[in-house]
Amino acid sequence: MLATEFFWHQTIRRYTLAFGLVFSDIYIKRSHPYDVVLDSFKIPITQASKQKFYLQLMQDASESNRPFGILLPRISFMLSSISYDQERQKNVTNRYMKTLENAITPSYNFEPSPWNFHYDMTLWTANEHDAHQAIEQILPYFTPFYMLTINELPTFNI
């Protein structure tokens, strides 16, 4: 075994939740040809693979006897790959020390390893107009990357 004690910092879970949060405020406005807004709503987002999400949409449409287009637009995303980033590696012997409450000895944590988490996102829409609205709300923030700050280890303030 690599470690002498069990540890789980929920880092991958935090990354996945943060990714979903970035895309959770995308809205669609449906309007009349004369620019009178008829309907405005938030696009729901789900963590699922493209295939799983498609099957879920088909099942929901068949169970509710509603047309497929009524269930759309929707966004789905999933963690697709993880890759080590050697360029961001710092000295592995760096340690962070923190004395936790009611602890006699301090806790230590070594410099974390740099990893890149790659997510795939799928936008499902019933028409091209809805897709354009959603994409125009996403693209301005990516040039071509989007950096997000996350508190990885709250006990160590990292």
N, C-alpha and C. Protein backbone atom coordinates (compact mmCIF):
# COMPACT_ATOMS: atom_id res chain seq x y z
N MET A 1 0.84 -1.18 0.00
CA MET A 1 0.00 0.00 0.00
C MET A 1 0.89 1.24 0.00
N LEU A 2 0.46 2.26 -0.70
CA LEU A 2 1.27 3.47 -0.81
C LEU A 2 1.22 4.34 0.43
N ALA A 3 0.06 4.47 1.04
CA ALA A 3 -0.08 5.36 2.20
C ALA A 3 -0.28 4.54 3.47
N THR A 4 0.15 5.10 4.58
CA THR A 4 -0.02 4.41 5.85
C THR A 4 -1.39 4.68 6.45
N GLU A 5 -2.01 5.79 6.08
CA GLU A 5 -3.33 6.15 6.58
C GLU A 5 -4.27 6.40 5.42
N PHE A 6 -5.54 6.17 5.66
CA PHE A 6 -6.56 6.48 4.65
C PHE A 6 -6.72 7.99 4.55
N PHE A 7 -6.84 8.48 3.32
CA PHE A 7 -7.16 9.90 3.11
C PHE A 7 -8.01 10.02 1.86
N TRP A 8 -8.87 10.99 1.87
CA TRP A 8 -9.70 11.31 0.72
C TRP A 8 -10.10 12.77 0.85
N HIS A 9 -9.58 13.60 -0.02
CA HIS A 9 -9.82 15.03 0.06
C HIS A 9 -10.95 15.51 -0.84
N GLN A 10 -11.59 14.61 -1.59
CA GLN A 10 -12.71 14.89 -2.48
C GLN A 10 -12.33 15.91 -3.56
N THR A 11 -11.10 15.90 -4.00
CA THR A 11 -10.62 16.86 -4.98
C THR A 11 -11.29 16.69 -6.33
N ILE A 12 -11.39 15.46 -6.83
CA ILE A 12 -12.02 15.23 -8.14
C ILE A 12 -13.49 15.61 -8.08
N ARG A 13 -14.14 15.33 -6.98
CA ARG A 13 -15.54 15.73 -6.81
C ARG A 13 -15.68 17.25 -6.85
N ARG A 14 -14.77 17.95 -6.20
CA ARG A 14 -14.80 19.43 -6.22
C ARG A 14 -14.61 19.97 -7.63
N TYR A 15 -13.69 19.37 -8.39
CA TYR A 15 -13.47 19.81 -9.77
C TYR A 15 -14.73 19.60 -10.61
N THR A 16 -15.35 18.45 -10.46
CA THR A 16 -16.55 18.15 -11.25
C THR A 16 -17.70 19.08 -10.89
N LEU A 17 -17.90 19.33 -9.60
CA LEU A 17 -18.95 20.26 -9.19
C LEU A 17 -18.67 21.68 -9.69
N ALA A 18 -17.41 22.09 -9.65
CA ALA A 18 -17.05 23.43 -10.13
C ALA A 18 -17.28 23.55 -11.63
N PHE A 19 -16.96 22.50 -12.37
CA PHE A 19 -17.20 22.53 -13.81
C PHE A 19 -18.69 22.68 -14.10
N GLY A 20 -19.51 21.92 -13.40
CA GLY A 20 -20.96 22.04 -13.60
C GLY A 20 -21.47 23.40 -13.20
N LEU A 21 -20.91 23.98 -12.16
CA LEU A 21 -21.33 25.30 -11.70
C LEU A 21 -21.04 26.40 -12.73
N VAL A 22 -19.93 26.26 -13.45
CA VAL A 22 -19.57 27.24 -14.47
C VAL A 22 -20.68 27.35 -15.53
N PHE A 23 -21.30 26.22 -15.87
CA PHE A 23 -22.31 26.20 -16.94
C PHE A 23 -23.75 26.16 -16.41
N SER A 24 -23.93 26.45 -15.15
CA SER A 24 -25.27 26.33 -14.57
C SER A 24 -26.16 27.55 -14.76
N ASP A 25 -25.62 28.65 -15.28
CA ASP A 25 -26.41 29.87 -15.45
C ASP A 25 -26.53 30.27 -16.91
N ILE A 26 -26.89 29.33 -17.75
CA ILE A 26 -27.08 29.63 -19.17
C ILE A 26 -28.59 29.68 -19.43
N TYR A 27 -29.02 30.75 -20.04
CA TYR A 27 -30.45 30.98 -20.27
C TYR A 27 -30.77 31.00 -21.76
N ILE A 28 -32.00 30.66 -22.07
CA ILE A 28 -32.53 30.72 -23.42
C ILE A 28 -33.75 31.63 -23.40
N LYS A 29 -33.85 32.48 -24.39
CA LYS A 29 -35.04 33.33 -24.54
C LYS A 29 -35.67 33.01 -25.89
N ARG A 30 -36.92 32.64 -25.85
CA ARG A 30 -37.66 32.42 -27.08
C ARG A 30 -38.53 33.63 -27.32
N SER A 31 -38.44 34.17 -28.53
CA SER A 31 -39.14 35.42 -28.80
C SER A 31 -39.96 35.33 -30.08
N HIS A 32 -40.87 36.24 -30.20
CA HIS A 32 -41.72 36.42 -31.36
C HIS A 32 -40.86 37.05 -32.45
N PRO A 33 -41.23 36.91 -33.72
CA PRO A 33 -40.43 37.55 -34.77
C PRO A 33 -40.21 39.05 -34.58
N TYR A 34 -41.07 39.68 -33.81
CA TYR A 34 -40.93 41.12 -33.59
C TYR A 34 -40.21 41.41 -32.27
N ASP A 35 -39.37 40.48 -31.81
CA ASP A 35 -38.55 40.62 -30.60
C ASP A 35 -39.35 40.77 -29.32
N VAL A 36 -40.53 40.21 -29.28
CA VAL A 36 -41.31 40.16 -28.05
C VAL A 36 -40.97 38.84 -27.37
N VAL A 37 -40.38 38.89 -26.17
CA VAL A 37 -39.96 37.67 -25.47
C VAL A 37 -41.19 36.89 -25.02
N LEU A 38 -41.30 35.66 -25.50
CA LEU A 38 -42.42 34.79 -25.12
C LEU A 38 -42.09 33.92 -23.93
N ASP A 39 -40.83 33.48 -23.86
CA ASP A 39 -40.44 32.55 -22.80
C ASP A 39 -38.95 32.71 -22.52
N SER A 40 -38.56 32.64 -21.25
CA SER A 40 -37.17 32.71 -20.85
C SER A 40 -36.95 31.68 -19.76
N PHE A 41 -35.94 30.82 -19.92
CA PHE A 41 -35.70 29.79 -18.91
C PHE A 41 -34.23 29.39 -18.89
N LYS A 42 -33.85 28.80 -17.76
CA LYS A 42 -32.48 28.32 -17.54
C LYS A 42 -32.34 26.92 -18.12
N ILE A 43 -31.21 26.64 -18.76
CA ILE A 43 -30.97 25.31 -19.32
C ILE A 43 -30.52 24.38 -18.20
N PRO A 44 -31.23 23.28 -17.96
CA PRO A 44 -30.79 22.32 -16.92
C PRO A 44 -29.48 21.63 -17.33
N ILE A 45 -28.66 21.32 -16.33
CA ILE A 45 -27.38 20.66 -16.58
C ILE A 45 -27.32 19.36 -15.77
N THR A 46 -26.77 18.30 -16.40
CA THR A 46 -26.71 16.99 -15.79
C THR A 46 -25.33 16.40 -15.98
N GLN A 47 -24.83 15.71 -14.97
CA GLN A 47 -23.55 15.01 -15.11
C GLN A 47 -23.85 13.61 -15.61
N ALA A 48 -23.56 13.36 -16.88
CA ALA A 48 -23.80 12.06 -17.49
C ALA A 48 -23.06 11.99 -18.82
N SER A 49 -22.75 10.78 -19.28
CA SER A 49 -22.12 10.64 -20.58
C SER A 49 -23.15 10.95 -21.67
N LYS A 50 -22.66 11.20 -22.87
CA LYS A 50 -23.54 11.53 -23.98
C LYS A 50 -24.54 10.39 -24.25
N GLN A 51 -24.08 9.14 -24.24
CA GLN A 51 -24.94 8.00 -24.51
C GLN A 51 -25.99 7.83 -23.41
N LYS A 52 -25.56 7.91 -22.16
CA LYS A 52 -26.49 7.75 -21.05
C LYS A 52 -27.54 8.86 -21.06
N PHE A 53 -27.12 10.07 -21.34
CA PHE A 53 -28.04 11.19 -21.36
C PHE A 53 -29.05 11.04 -22.50
N TYR A 54 -28.59 10.58 -23.65
CA TYR A 54 -29.49 10.36 -24.78
C TYR A 54 -30.54 9.31 -24.44
N LEU A 55 -30.12 8.21 -23.85
CA LEU A 55 -31.08 7.16 -23.46
C LEU A 55 -32.07 7.67 -22.43
N GLN A 56 -31.61 8.50 -21.49
CA GLN A 56 -32.50 9.06 -20.48
C GLN A 56 -33.52 10.00 -21.12
N LEU A 57 -33.09 10.82 -22.07
CA LEU A 57 -34.02 11.70 -22.77
C LEU A 57 -35.07 10.90 -23.54
N MET A 58 -34.63 9.85 -24.22
CA MET A 58 -35.57 9.02 -24.98
C MET A 58 -36.57 8.35 -24.04
N GLN A 59 -36.12 7.88 -22.89
CA GLN A 59 -37.01 7.24 -21.93
C GLN A 59 -38.00 8.25 -21.36
N ASP A 60 -37.53 9.44 -21.02
CA ASP A 60 -38.42 10.48 -20.49
C ASP A 60 -39.47 10.88 -21.52
N ALA A 61 -39.07 10.96 -22.78
CA ALA A 61 -40.01 11.34 -23.83
C ALA A 61 -41.07 10.26 -24.03
N SER A 62 -40.67 8.98 -23.97
CA SER A 62 -41.63 7.90 -24.20
C SER A 62 -42.56 7.72 -23.00
N GLU A 63 -42.06 7.92 -21.78
CA GLU A 63 -42.91 7.76 -20.60
C GLU A 63 -43.93 8.89 -20.46
N SER A 64 -43.56 10.08 -20.84
CA SER A 64 -44.46 11.21 -20.66
C SER A 64 -45.33 11.47 -21.88
N ASN A 65 -45.12 10.73 -22.97
CA ASN A 65 -45.87 10.92 -24.21
C ASN A 65 -45.77 12.35 -24.72
N ARG A 66 -44.65 12.99 -24.44
CA ARG A 66 -44.41 14.34 -24.94
C ARG A 66 -43.43 14.26 -26.09
N PRO A 67 -43.51 15.22 -26.99
CA PRO A 67 -42.51 15.25 -28.06
C PRO A 67 -41.11 15.46 -27.48
N PHE A 68 -40.12 14.94 -28.18
CA PHE A 68 -38.73 15.02 -27.74
C PHE A 68 -38.29 16.46 -27.56
N GLY A 69 -38.74 17.36 -28.41
CA GLY A 69 -38.33 18.76 -28.36
C GLY A 69 -38.76 19.49 -27.11
N ILE A 70 -39.82 19.03 -26.44
CA ILE A 70 -40.28 19.71 -25.23
C ILE A 70 -39.27 19.52 -24.09
N LEU A 71 -38.53 18.42 -24.10
CA LEU A 71 -37.55 18.14 -23.05
C LEU A 71 -36.24 18.89 -23.25
N LEU A 72 -36.09 19.54 -24.38
CA LEU A 72 -34.84 20.23 -24.70
C LEU A 72 -35.03 21.73 -24.58
N PRO A 73 -34.00 22.50 -24.36
CA PRO A 73 -32.57 22.21 -24.37
C PRO A 73 -32.09 21.65 -23.03
N ARG A 74 -30.99 20.95 -23.10
CA ARG A 74 -30.34 20.36 -21.93
C ARG A 74 -28.83 20.37 -22.16
N ILE A 75 -28.07 20.36 -21.05
CA ILE A 75 -26.61 20.25 -21.11
C ILE A 75 -26.20 19.03 -20.29
N SER A 76 -25.29 18.23 -20.85
CA SER A 76 -24.72 17.13 -20.08
C SER A 76 -23.20 17.24 -20.15
N PHE A 77 -22.54 16.75 -19.11
CA PHE A 77 -21.07 16.78 -19.08
C PHE A 77 -20.55 15.58 -18.31
N MET A 78 -19.30 15.23 -18.59
CA MET A 78 -18.66 14.14 -17.86
C MET A 78 -17.15 14.30 -17.90
N LEU A 79 -16.49 13.75 -16.89
CA LEU A 79 -15.04 13.72 -16.85
C LEU A 79 -14.57 12.70 -17.88
N SER A 80 -13.81 13.14 -18.87
CA SER A 80 -13.42 12.24 -19.95
C SER A 80 -12.00 11.70 -19.80
N SER A 81 -11.09 12.51 -19.24
CA SER A 81 -9.73 12.01 -19.06
C SER A 81 -8.99 12.85 -18.02
N ILE A 82 -7.93 12.26 -17.51
CA ILE A 82 -7.05 12.92 -16.55
C ILE A 82 -5.63 12.72 -17.07
N SER A 83 -4.84 13.81 -17.13
CA SER A 83 -3.47 13.70 -17.61
C SER A 83 -2.52 14.46 -16.68
N TYR A 84 -1.36 13.91 -16.49
CA TYR A 84 -0.33 14.53 -15.65
C TYR A 84 0.29 15.70 -16.39
N ASP A 85 0.52 16.82 -15.69
CA ASP A 85 1.10 18.02 -16.29
C ASP A 85 2.46 18.28 -15.68
N GLN A 86 3.50 17.81 -16.32
CA GLN A 86 4.86 17.90 -15.78
C GLN A 86 5.36 19.34 -15.72
N GLU A 87 4.88 20.22 -16.58
CA GLU A 87 5.35 21.60 -16.61
C GLU A 87 4.98 22.38 -15.35
N ARG A 88 3.93 22.00 -14.68
CA ARG A 88 3.49 22.70 -13.47
C ARG A 88 4.02 22.07 -12.19
N GLN A 89 4.81 21.03 -12.29
CA GLN A 89 5.31 20.32 -11.11
C GLN A 89 6.25 21.21 -10.31
N LYS A 90 6.01 21.30 -9.01
CA LYS A 90 6.90 22.04 -8.11
C LYS A 90 7.75 21.03 -7.35
N ASN A 91 8.58 21.52 -6.47
CA ASN A 91 9.43 20.65 -5.66
C ASN A 91 8.57 19.73 -4.81
N VAL A 92 8.72 18.43 -4.98
CA VAL A 92 7.86 17.46 -4.29
C VAL A 92 8.14 17.39 -2.80
N THR A 93 9.24 17.95 -2.34
CA THR A 93 9.54 17.91 -0.90
C THR A 93 8.93 19.08 -0.13
N ASN A 94 8.29 20.02 -0.82
CA ASN A 94 7.60 21.10 -0.12
C ASN A 94 6.50 20.52 0.74
N ARG A 95 6.42 21.00 1.98
CA ARG A 95 5.38 20.51 2.89
C ARG A 95 4.58 21.68 3.43
N TYR A 96 3.30 21.44 3.63
CA TYR A 96 2.42 22.41 4.26
C TYR A 96 2.06 21.87 5.63
N MET A 97 2.19 22.72 6.65
CA MET A 97 1.91 22.28 8.02
C MET A 97 0.69 23.04 8.54
N LYS A 98 -0.15 22.33 9.26
CA LYS A 98 -1.33 22.95 9.87
C LYS A 98 -1.64 22.19 11.15
N THR A 99 -1.81 22.93 12.22
CA THR A 99 -2.23 22.31 13.47
C THR A 99 -3.75 22.40 13.54
N LEU A 100 -4.39 21.25 13.50
CA LEU A 100 -5.84 21.19 13.50
C LEU A 100 -6.36 21.33 14.93
N GLU A 101 -7.63 21.69 15.05
CA GLU A 101 -8.24 21.83 16.38
C GLU A 101 -8.16 20.51 17.14
N ASN A 102 -7.92 20.59 18.44
CA ASN A 102 -7.85 19.43 19.33
C ASN A 102 -6.78 18.43 18.91
N ALA A 103 -5.76 18.88 18.21
CA ALA A 103 -4.67 18.00 17.79
C ALA A 103 -3.41 18.35 18.56
N ILE A 104 -2.70 17.34 18.97
CA ILE A 104 -1.46 17.55 19.70
C ILE A 104 -0.31 17.79 18.73
N THR A 105 -0.27 17.01 17.68
CA THR A 105 0.79 17.16 16.68
C THR A 105 0.23 17.81 15.41
N PRO A 106 1.05 18.56 14.71
CA PRO A 106 0.56 19.19 13.48
C PRO A 106 0.38 18.18 12.35
N SER A 107 -0.44 18.53 11.40
CA SER A 107 -0.64 17.71 10.20
C SER A 107 0.20 18.29 9.07
N TYR A 108 0.70 17.41 8.23
CA TYR A 108 1.53 17.82 7.11
C TYR A 108 0.90 17.34 5.81
N ASN A 109 1.13 18.12 4.79
CA ASN A 109 0.70 17.72 3.45
C ASN A 109 1.80 18.13 2.48
N PHE A 110 2.17 17.23 1.60
CA PHE A 110 3.21 17.52 0.62
C PHE A 110 2.64 18.28 -0.57
N GLU A 111 3.51 18.83 -1.38
CA GLU A 111 3.11 19.56 -2.59
C GLU A 111 2.27 18.63 -3.48
N PRO A 112 1.10 19.09 -3.89
CA PRO A 112 0.25 18.22 -4.72
C PRO A 112 0.83 18.03 -6.12
N SER A 113 0.47 16.93 -6.74
CA SER A 113 0.88 16.65 -8.12
C SER A 113 -0.05 17.38 -9.08
N PRO A 114 0.50 17.97 -10.13
CA PRO A 114 -0.36 18.71 -11.08
C PRO A 114 -0.99 17.78 -12.11
N TRP A 115 -2.28 17.80 -12.17
CA TRP A 115 -3.04 16.98 -13.12
C TRP A 115 -4.01 17.87 -13.87
N ASN A 116 -4.25 17.55 -15.11
CA ASN A 116 -5.26 18.24 -15.92
C ASN A 116 -6.49 17.34 -16.01
N PHE A 117 -7.63 17.89 -15.70
CA PHE A 117 -8.89 17.16 -15.78
C PHE A 117 -9.64 17.66 -17.00
N HIS A 118 -9.95 16.76 -17.90
CA HIS A 118 -10.61 17.11 -19.16
C HIS A 118 -12.07 16.66 -19.09
N TYR A 119 -12.96 17.58 -19.39
CA TYR A 119 -14.39 17.30 -19.36
C TYR A 119 -14.97 17.45 -20.76
N ASP A 120 -15.93 16.60 -21.09
CA ASP A 120 -16.69 16.73 -22.33
C ASP A 120 -18.06 17.26 -21.97
N MET A 121 -18.50 18.25 -22.74
CA MET A 121 -19.82 18.81 -22.51
C MET A 121 -20.62 18.69 -23.80
N THR A 122 -21.90 18.33 -23.66
CA THR A 122 -22.79 18.19 -24.80
C THR A 122 -23.99 19.10 -24.59
N LEU A 123 -24.31 19.87 -25.62
CA LEU A 123 -25.48 20.73 -25.59
C LEU A 123 -26.54 20.12 -26.49
N TRP A 124 -27.68 19.83 -25.91
CA TRP A 124 -28.80 19.24 -26.66
C TRP A 124 -29.86 20.32 -26.85
N THR A 125 -30.22 20.59 -28.09
CA THR A 125 -31.26 21.57 -28.37
C THR A 125 -32.20 21.03 -29.44
N ALA A 126 -33.41 21.57 -29.46
CA ALA A 126 -34.39 21.16 -30.46
C ALA A 126 -34.22 21.94 -31.76
N ASN A 127 -33.62 23.13 -31.65
CA ASN A 127 -33.42 23.92 -32.87
C ASN A 127 -32.10 24.68 -32.79
N GLU A 128 -31.68 25.16 -33.94
CA GLU A 128 -30.39 25.83 -34.05
C GLU A 128 -30.36 27.16 -33.31
N HIS A 129 -31.48 27.84 -33.26
CA HIS A 129 -31.56 29.13 -32.60
C HIS A 129 -31.22 29.01 -31.11
N ASP A 130 -31.76 27.99 -30.44
CA ASP A 130 -31.45 27.76 -29.02
C ASP A 130 -29.96 27.45 -28.83
N ALA A 131 -29.40 26.65 -29.73
CA ALA A 131 -27.98 26.29 -29.64
C ALA A 131 -27.10 27.53 -29.77
N HIS A 132 -27.45 28.41 -30.69
CA HIS A 132 -26.65 29.64 -30.88
C HIS A 132 -26.68 30.52 -29.64
N GLN A 133 -27.84 30.63 -29.02
CA GLN A 133 -27.95 31.45 -27.81
C GLN A 133 -27.05 30.91 -26.70
N ALA A 134 -27.09 29.59 -26.50
CA ALA A 134 -26.29 28.98 -25.44
C ALA A 134 -24.80 29.10 -25.73
N ILE A 135 -24.40 28.82 -26.95
CA ILE A 135 -22.98 28.87 -27.31
C ILE A 135 -22.44 30.29 -27.18
N GLU A 136 -23.25 31.28 -27.54
CA GLU A 136 -22.79 32.67 -27.42
C GLU A 136 -22.62 33.10 -25.97
N GLN A 137 -23.24 32.41 -25.03
CA GLN A 137 -23.05 32.71 -23.62
C GLN A 137 -21.84 31.99 -23.04
N ILE A 138 -21.34 30.95 -23.73
CA ILE A 138 -20.22 30.15 -23.24
C ILE A 138 -18.89 30.62 -23.83
N LEU A 139 -18.82 30.79 -25.13
CA LEU A 139 -17.55 31.04 -25.83
C LEU A 139 -16.77 32.28 -25.38
N PRO A 140 -17.39 33.39 -25.02
CA PRO A 140 -16.57 34.55 -24.64
C PRO A 140 -15.66 34.32 -23.44
N TYR A 141 -15.94 33.30 -22.63
CA TYR A 141 -15.14 33.06 -21.43
C TYR A 141 -13.96 32.12 -21.67
N PHE A 142 -13.86 31.52 -22.85
CA PHE A 142 -12.80 30.56 -23.13
C PHE A 142 -11.89 31.10 -24.22
N THR A 143 -10.60 31.26 -23.88
CA THR A 143 -9.65 31.83 -24.84
C THR A 143 -8.35 31.07 -24.88
N PRO A 144 -8.16 29.86 -25.21
CA PRO A 144 -9.11 28.77 -25.36
C PRO A 144 -9.35 28.01 -24.05
N PHE A 145 -8.73 28.46 -22.97
CA PHE A 145 -8.89 27.79 -21.68
C PHE A 145 -9.63 28.69 -20.71
N TYR A 146 -10.17 28.08 -19.69
CA TYR A 146 -10.84 28.82 -18.62
C TYR A 146 -10.22 28.37 -17.31
N MET A 147 -9.63 29.28 -16.58
CA MET A 147 -9.00 28.95 -15.30
C MET A 147 -9.99 29.18 -14.18
N LEU A 148 -10.09 28.22 -13.31
CA LEU A 148 -11.05 28.26 -12.21
C LEU A 148 -10.29 28.04 -10.91
N THR A 149 -10.52 28.87 -9.92
CA THR A 149 -9.85 28.74 -8.63
C THR A 149 -10.73 27.94 -7.68
N ILE A 150 -10.15 26.91 -7.08
CA ILE A 150 -10.87 26.02 -6.18
C ILE A 150 -10.05 25.85 -4.91
N ASN A 151 -10.70 25.83 -3.76
CA ASN A 151 -10.03 25.54 -2.50
C ASN A 151 -9.93 24.03 -2.38
N GLU A 152 -8.78 23.48 -2.77
CA GLU A 152 -8.61 22.02 -2.86
C GLU A 152 -8.59 21.34 -1.50
N LEU A 153 -7.85 21.90 -0.56
CA LEU A 153 -7.76 21.31 0.77
C LEU A 153 -8.15 22.37 1.80
N PRO A 154 -9.42 22.49 2.14
CA PRO A 154 -9.86 23.55 3.05
C PRO A 154 -9.16 23.53 4.39
N THR A 155 -8.79 22.36 4.89
CA THR A 155 -8.13 22.30 6.20
C THR A 155 -6.74 22.92 6.17
N PHE A 156 -6.11 22.93 5.01
CA PHE A 156 -4.78 23.52 4.85
C PHE A 156 -4.82 24.87 4.15
N ASN A 157 -5.99 25.36 3.80
CA ASN A 157 -6.16 26.61 3.05
C ASN A 157 -5.37 26.60 1.75
N ILE A 158 -5.42 25.49 1.05
CA ILE A 158 -4.74 25.34 -0.24
C ILE A 158 -5.79 25.38 -1.34
